[in-house]
Amino acid sequence: MIASADLTEICQQLVRDSGGKRVLVCSSDGEVLAHAGQEGSTGSLDDATGEALAQLIADVVEGAAAGARVPATKDLVASLPAGLPGGLSACATSIGARAALVVIFDGRTTTLDRVRLKVRRARDLIGKSLPVEPAAEKPSSH
């Protein structure tokens, strides 16, 4: 699946608005649909960070339909209580059961409350910009 320009622009805006280091939009199967943010120290993810993010993404997508292991707020914005390796933190939300929005941030330069507020605002825009999956064809009743 190729990221639309809209998704990339929304991700870039969210990085600026939230003070985050990196923003990822991932499909429910883990494919990165769009991303934005600083390269360098957050450009590539080590195994431990990748595993922690994968679990957070799985939990928020799963939590859209059922109970998740990572506690989410009533609007399904979850964060990793212990943070990520390297002193960074992550905040994620589901976009329905189709995708997850993740912001990686440094708690020394922005706050979890600010990131959550910006994530909630961006979630609807991203939901409208996600590629629509083709509907299954219905057999005709002729």
Protein backbone atom coordinates (compact mmCIF):
# COMPACT_ATOMS: atom_id res chain seq x y z
CA MET A 1 0.00 0.00 0.00
CA ILE A 2 1.40 3.41 -0.92
CA ALA A 3 1.00 6.34 1.47
CA SER A 4 -1.08 9.19 0.17
CA ALA A 5 0.29 12.72 0.17
CA ASP A 6 -2.48 13.63 2.62
CA LEU A 7 -1.29 11.05 5.15
CA THR A 8 2.30 12.24 4.92
CA GLU A 9 1.25 15.89 5.31
CA ILE A 10 -0.90 15.05 8.34
CA CYS A 11 2.03 13.16 9.89
CA GLN A 12 4.39 16.10 9.26
CA GLN A 13 1.90 18.51 10.83
CA LEU A 14 1.45 16.23 13.84
CA VAL A 15 5.22 16.11 14.42
CA ARG A 16 5.27 19.92 14.48
CA ASP A 17 2.11 20.36 16.58
CA SER A 18 2.90 17.69 19.17
CA GLY A 19 6.61 18.36 19.55
CA GLY A 20 7.16 14.69 18.73
CA LYS A 21 10.24 13.11 17.25
CA ARG A 22 8.51 10.71 14.87
CA VAL A 23 4.97 9.87 13.72
CA LEU A 24 3.95 6.55 12.18
CA VAL A 25 0.68 5.39 10.68
CA CYS A 26 0.66 1.60 10.58
CA SER A 27 -1.89 -0.79 9.17
CA SER A 28 -3.36 -3.43 11.47
CA ASP A 29 -0.90 -5.95 10.01
CA GLY A 30 2.10 -3.72 10.86
CA GLU A 31 2.81 -2.15 7.47
CA VAL A 32 3.97 1.49 7.74
CA LEU A 33 1.52 3.49 5.63
CA ALA A 34 3.03 6.91 6.31
CA HIS A 35 5.64 8.47 8.57
CA ALA A 36 7.30 11.77 9.32
CA GLY A 37 9.82 13.15 11.75
CA GLN A 38 13.44 13.42 12.61
CA GLU A 39 15.91 10.99 11.21
CA GLY A 40 19.14 10.28 13.03
CA SER A 41 18.62 8.82 16.48
CA THR A 42 14.96 7.97 15.82
CA GLY A 43 15.41 7.12 12.13
CA SER A 44 15.95 3.42 12.59
CA LEU A 45 14.47 1.46 15.43
CA ASP A 46 16.44 -1.12 17.37
CA ASP A 47 14.85 -4.50 18.06
CA ALA A 48 13.66 -3.64 21.59
CA THR A 49 12.03 -0.39 20.43
CA GLY A 50 10.46 -2.09 17.42
CA GLU A 51 9.02 -4.85 19.62
CA ALA A 52 7.61 -2.36 22.15
CA LEU A 53 6.00 -0.30 19.38
CA ALA A 54 4.62 -3.40 17.66
CA GLN A 55 2.97 -4.47 20.93
CA LEU A 56 1.53 -0.97 21.50
CA ILE A 57 0.13 -0.90 17.94
CA ALA A 58 -1.37 -4.36 18.34
CA ASP A 59 -2.92 -3.36 21.66
CA VAL A 60 -4.61 -0.20 20.41
CA VAL A 61 -5.95 -1.88 17.27
CA GLU A 62 -7.12 -4.86 19.35
CA GLY A 63 -8.51 -2.46 21.97
CA ALA A 64 -10.76 -0.89 19.35
CA ALA A 65 -12.74 -4.14 19.47
CA ALA A 66 -11.86 -5.74 22.80
CA GLY A 67 -9.75 -5.32 25.95
CA ALA A 68 -6.09 -4.50 25.41
CA ARG A 69 -3.05 -5.21 27.59
CA VAL A 70 -1.86 -1.59 27.53
CA PRO A 71 -4.40 0.54 29.39
CA ALA A 72 -6.01 3.10 27.09
CA THR A 73 -8.07 6.12 27.95
CA LYS A 74 -11.75 6.07 27.08
CA ASP A 75 -10.88 7.34 23.60
CA LEU A 76 -8.25 4.62 23.03
CA VAL A 77 -5.15 6.79 23.29
CA ALA A 78 -2.55 4.61 25.01
CA SER A 79 1.01 5.16 26.06
CA LEU A 80 3.77 2.85 27.21
CA PRO A 81 4.01 3.24 30.99
CA ALA A 82 7.71 2.30 31.06
CA GLY A 83 8.61 4.28 27.92
CA LEU A 84 10.91 3.15 25.13
CA PRO A 85 14.59 2.27 25.22
CA GLY A 86 16.74 5.39 24.89
CA GLY A 87 14.53 7.56 27.08
CA LEU A 88 11.81 8.20 24.50
CA SER A 89 8.10 7.65 25.01
CA ALA A 90 5.30 6.59 22.68
CA CYS A 91 1.63 7.38 22.45
CA ALA A 92 -0.74 5.51 20.11
CA THR A 93 -4.37 5.34 19.12
CA SER A 94 -6.38 3.14 16.84
CA ILE A 95 -7.94 4.41 13.67
CA GLY A 96 -10.85 2.04 13.76
CA ALA A 97 -9.68 -1.54 13.44
CA ARG A 98 -7.74 -0.70 10.26
CA ALA A 99 -4.68 1.17 11.50
CA ALA A 100 -2.82 2.80 14.37
CA LEU A 101 -1.30 6.24 14.79
CA VAL A 102 1.90 6.38 16.88
CA VAL A 103 3.85 9.41 18.08
CA ILE A 104 7.35 8.87 19.46
CA PHE A 105 8.41 11.77 21.65
CA ASP A 106 10.90 12.95 24.24
CA GLY A 107 9.21 13.82 27.54
CA ARG A 108 11.85 16.48 28.14
CA THR A 109 10.68 18.55 25.16
CA THR A 110 6.91 17.92 25.17
CA THR A 111 4.28 16.41 27.45
CA LEU A 112 2.13 13.30 27.18
CA ASP A 113 -0.98 15.47 27.58
CA ARG A 114 0.02 17.64 24.62
CA VAL A 115 0.79 14.61 22.46
CA ARG A 116 -2.54 12.98 23.38
CA LEU A 117 -4.47 16.14 22.52
CA LYS A 118 -2.81 16.42 19.10
CA VAL A 119 -3.22 12.68 18.43
CA ARG A 120 -6.96 12.87 19.10
CA ARG A 121 -7.28 15.80 16.71
CA ALA A 122 -5.26 14.11 13.95
CA ARG A 123 -7.03 10.74 14.26
CA ASP A 124 -10.18 11.82 12.37
CA LEU A 125 -8.17 13.41 9.56
CA ILE A 126 -6.07 10.30 9.15
CA GLY A 127 -9.14 8.07 9.21
CA LYS A 128 -10.58 10.05 6.28
CA SER A 129 -7.26 9.86 4.40
CA LEU A 130 -6.67 6.12 4.74
CA PRO A 131 -7.07 4.16 1.53
CA VAL A 132 -10.49 2.56 1.35
CA GLU A 133 -10.40 -1.21 1.19
CA PRO A 134 -12.43 -2.62 -1.67
CA ALA A 135 -15.76 -4.01 -0.57
CA ALA A 136 -16.35 -7.69 -1.06
CA GLU A 137 -18.52 -8.32 -4.07
CA LYS A 138 -22.01 -9.44 -3.21
CA PRO A 139 -23.56 -12.17 -5.32
CA SER A 140 -26.48 -10.93 -7.37
CA SER A 141 -29.93 -12.19 -6.51
CA HIS A 142 -31.01 -12.81 -10.10
